[in-house]
N, C-alpha and C. Protein backbone atom coordinates (compact mmCIF):
# COMPACT_ATOMS: atom_id res chain seq x y z
N MET A 1 18.57 2.51 -20.86
CA MET A 1 17.60 1.75 -20.32
C MET A 1 17.23 2.22 -18.89
N ARG A 2 15.81 2.60 -18.54
CA ARG A 2 15.60 2.98 -17.50
C ARG A 2 15.03 1.80 -16.61
N ILE A 3 15.69 1.94 -15.33
CA ILE A 3 15.15 0.78 -14.32
C ILE A 3 14.43 1.45 -12.94
N SER A 4 13.13 1.08 -12.79
CA SER A 4 12.71 1.57 -11.78
C SER A 4 12.25 0.70 -10.65
N LYS A 5 12.25 0.99 -9.30
CA LYS A 5 11.91 -0.23 -8.38
C LYS A 5 10.72 -0.91 -8.59
N VAL A 6 10.51 -2.37 -8.18
CA VAL A 6 9.22 -2.83 -8.26
C VAL A 6 8.47 -2.43 -7.13
N TYR A 7 7.17 -2.06 -7.50
CA TYR A 7 6.16 -1.76 -6.46
C TYR A 7 4.98 -2.72 -6.48
N ASN A 8 4.22 -2.51 -5.74
CA ASN A 8 3.08 -3.46 -5.21
C ASN A 8 2.00 -2.81 -6.02
N ALA A 9 1.63 -3.56 -7.21
CA ALA A 9 0.50 -3.11 -8.03
C ALA A 9 -0.79 -3.40 -7.54
N SER A 10 -0.90 -4.39 -6.64
CA SER A 10 -2.12 -4.59 -6.19
C SER A 10 -2.54 -3.75 -5.26
N LEU A 11 -1.68 -3.00 -4.11
CA LEU A 11 -1.96 -2.37 -3.11
C LEU A 11 -2.30 -1.02 -3.76
N LEU A 12 -1.62 -0.65 -4.71
CA LEU A 12 -1.80 0.88 -5.49
C LEU A 12 -3.10 0.97 -6.14
N GLN A 13 -3.48 -0.13 -6.70
CA GLN A 13 -4.74 -0.50 -7.29
C GLN A 13 -6.04 -0.05 -6.44
N ILE A 14 -5.89 -0.51 -4.97
CA ILE A 14 -6.89 -0.17 -4.11
C ILE A 14 -6.89 1.18 -3.64
N ILE A 15 -5.52 1.77 -3.79
CA ILE A 15 -5.73 3.18 -3.20
C ILE A 15 -6.04 4.04 -4.50
N ALA A 16 -5.85 3.75 -5.51
CA ALA A 16 -6.21 4.51 -6.89
C ALA A 16 -7.64 4.37 -7.07
N ARG A 17 -8.36 3.14 -6.84
CA ARG A 17 -9.97 2.97 -6.65
C ARG A 17 -10.62 3.90 -6.03
N LYS A 18 -10.15 3.87 -4.43
CA LYS A 18 -10.74 4.56 -3.46
C LYS A 18 -10.05 6.06 -3.43
N GLY A 19 -9.16 6.42 -4.09
CA GLY A 19 -8.59 7.95 -4.02
C GLY A 19 -8.14 8.63 -2.70
N GLU A 20 -8.77 8.40 -1.91
CA GLU A 20 -8.28 8.58 -0.76
C GLU A 20 -9.04 7.68 0.54
N ILE A 21 -7.97 7.09 1.15
CA ILE A 21 -8.47 5.78 2.25
C ILE A 21 -7.57 6.02 3.54
N ALA A 22 -8.24 5.89 4.76
CA ALA A 22 -7.35 5.42 5.98
C ALA A 22 -6.65 4.53 6.22
N TYR A 23 -5.79 4.79 6.80
CA TYR A 23 -4.55 3.81 6.91
C TYR A 23 -5.25 2.56 7.56
N GLU A 24 -5.75 2.22 8.48
CA GLU A 24 -6.60 1.02 8.96
C GLU A 24 -7.52 0.71 8.31
N ASP A 25 -8.11 1.44 7.17
CA ASP A 25 -9.27 1.15 6.31
C ASP A 25 -8.48 0.13 5.18
N LEU A 26 -7.41 0.90 4.88
CA LEU A 26 -6.62 0.00 4.10
C LEU A 26 -5.96 -1.16 4.53
N LYS A 27 -5.49 -1.33 5.61
CA LYS A 27 -4.95 -2.57 6.14
C LYS A 27 -6.26 -3.48 6.33
N LYS A 28 -7.40 -3.28 6.43
CA LYS A 28 -8.39 -4.39 6.78
C LYS A 28 -8.79 -4.63 5.31
N GLU A 29 -8.90 -3.91 4.39
CA GLU A 29 -9.07 -4.29 3.08
C GLU A 29 -7.82 -5.19 2.34
N TYR A 30 -6.74 -4.54 2.66
CA TYR A 30 -5.43 -5.34 1.64
C TYR A 30 -5.09 -6.50 2.60
N CYS A 31 -4.73 -6.69 3.75
CA CYS A 31 -4.25 -7.57 4.47
C CYS A 31 -5.18 -8.67 4.64
N LYS A 32 -4.73 -9.83 4.92
CA LYS A 32 -5.62 -11.05 5.00
C LYS A 32 -5.67 -11.62 6.44
N LEU A 33 -6.49 -11.94 6.98
CA LEU A 33 -6.47 -12.76 8.39
C LEU A 33 -5.79 -13.90 8.25
N THR A 34 -5.04 -14.29 9.03
CA THR A 34 -4.46 -15.19 9.17
C THR A 34 -4.36 -16.11 10.58
N PRO A 35 -4.21 -17.41 10.58
CA PRO A 35 -4.11 -18.08 11.82
C PRO A 35 -3.16 -17.83 12.52
N PRO A 36 -3.31 -18.12 13.94
CA PRO A 36 -2.07 -17.92 14.74
C PRO A 36 -1.04 -18.63 14.40
N GLY A 37 0.27 -18.18 14.54
CA GLY A 37 1.53 -18.87 14.11
C GLY A 37 1.65 -18.70 12.72
N VAL A 38 0.73 -18.33 11.61
CA VAL A 38 1.09 -18.35 10.36
C VAL A 38 1.44 -16.82 9.93
N ILE A 39 2.52 -16.72 9.16
CA ILE A 39 2.62 -15.30 8.78
C ILE A 39 2.94 -15.24 7.24
N SER A 40 2.11 -14.04 6.84
CA SER A 40 1.65 -13.73 5.55
C SER A 40 2.60 -12.74 5.02
N ASP A 41 3.31 -12.85 3.83
CA ASP A 41 4.14 -12.11 3.31
C ASP A 41 3.45 -10.45 3.06
N ARG A 42 2.01 -10.57 2.55
CA ARG A 42 1.31 -9.49 2.40
C ARG A 42 1.27 -8.50 3.47
N ASN A 43 1.13 -9.32 4.54
CA ASN A 43 0.91 -8.43 6.06
C ASN A 43 2.28 -7.66 6.44
N VAL A 44 3.21 -8.68 6.34
CA VAL A 44 4.60 -8.25 6.75
C VAL A 44 5.04 -7.23 5.98
N MET A 45 4.68 -7.26 4.44
CA MET A 45 5.21 -6.01 3.62
C MET A 45 4.58 -4.94 3.50
N PHE A 46 3.32 -4.85 3.99
CA PHE A 46 2.24 -3.64 3.72
C PHE A 46 3.04 -2.58 3.96
N ASP A 47 3.77 -2.09 5.31
CA ASP A 47 4.22 -0.83 5.44
C ASP A 47 5.55 -0.43 4.76
N SER A 48 6.31 -1.59 4.23
CA SER A 48 7.06 -1.11 3.63
C SER A 48 6.89 -0.80 1.97
N ASP A 49 5.76 -1.49 1.55
CA ASP A 49 5.17 -1.23 0.40
C ASP A 49 4.62 0.11 0.32
N LEU A 50 3.97 0.50 1.30
CA LEU A 50 3.53 1.85 1.65
C LEU A 50 4.69 2.96 1.19
N LYS A 51 5.68 2.50 1.99
CA LYS A 51 6.77 3.86 1.97
C LYS A 51 7.39 3.74 0.34
N LEU A 52 7.27 2.57 -0.23
CA LEU A 52 7.96 2.44 -1.37
C LEU A 52 7.13 3.23 -2.62
N LEU A 53 5.63 3.06 -2.41
CA LEU A 53 5.14 3.62 -3.20
C LEU A 53 4.83 5.22 -3.00
N GLU A 54 5.38 5.78 -1.74
CA GLU A 54 5.19 7.16 -1.51
C GLU A 54 6.59 7.69 -2.05
N SER A 55 7.60 7.03 -2.04
CA SER A 55 8.74 7.36 -2.47
C SER A 55 8.95 7.69 -4.18
N GLY A 56 7.92 6.79 -4.66
CA GLY A 56 8.10 6.65 -6.18
C GLY A 56 6.93 7.83 -6.45
N GLY A 57 6.38 8.26 -5.53
CA GLY A 57 5.43 9.47 -5.96
C GLY A 57 4.00 9.04 -6.51
N TYR A 58 3.78 7.95 -6.10
CA TYR A 58 2.39 7.21 -6.50
C TYR A 58 1.18 7.91 -5.62
N ILE A 59 1.74 7.79 -4.25
CA ILE A 59 0.71 8.46 -2.98
C ILE A 59 1.36 9.28 -2.27
N THR A 60 0.35 9.98 -1.44
CA THR A 60 0.99 10.52 -0.32
C THR A 60 0.47 10.32 1.01
N ILE A 61 1.17 10.45 2.08
CA ILE A 61 0.48 9.80 3.27
C ILE A 61 0.74 11.20 4.17
N ASP A 62 -0.67 11.43 4.60
CA ASP A 62 -0.50 12.66 5.69
C ASP A 62 -1.26 12.11 6.96
N ASP A 63 -0.68 11.93 7.98
CA ASP A 63 -1.01 11.27 9.19
C ASP A 63 -1.43 9.98 9.01
N ASP A 64 -3.00 9.62 8.89
CA ASP A 64 -3.23 8.31 8.76
C ASP A 64 -4.07 8.24 7.15
N VAL A 65 -4.04 9.57 6.83
CA VAL A 65 -4.74 9.34 5.35
C VAL A 65 -3.85 9.17 4.25
N ILE A 66 -4.04 8.17 3.29
CA ILE A 66 -3.56 7.98 2.33
C ILE A 66 -4.08 8.25 0.96
N MET A 67 -3.35 9.19 0.11
CA MET A 67 -3.95 9.79 -0.98
C MET A 67 -3.30 9.35 -2.26
N TYR A 68 -3.90 9.01 -3.48
CA TYR A 68 -3.13 8.50 -4.93
C TYR A 68 -3.06 9.94 -5.55
N ILE A 69 -1.96 9.96 -6.21
CA ILE A 69 -1.61 11.03 -7.00
C ILE A 69 -1.90 10.39 -8.02
N GLN A 70 -2.62 11.00 -8.86
CA GLN A 70 -2.86 10.79 -10.49
C GLN A 70 -1.51 11.19 -11.38
N ARG A 71 -1.08 10.29 -12.00
CA ARG A 71 0.17 10.62 -12.78
C ARG A 71 0.05 10.73 -14.12
């Protein structure tokens, strides 16, 4: 049985649809604005989700440009 790490499919879907996107543009599209004092798990996990997608070979991050790798 093969076990793989759980990744954020909705974040990967946005990147795949765009093909190539700047970090700030992706963050604006994916992260939700929250009122002061409210913490969203989506916003907190954004950077770690990107690192997981990169380590899994789904995307590459070059400076501030994120590119989808078609597998």
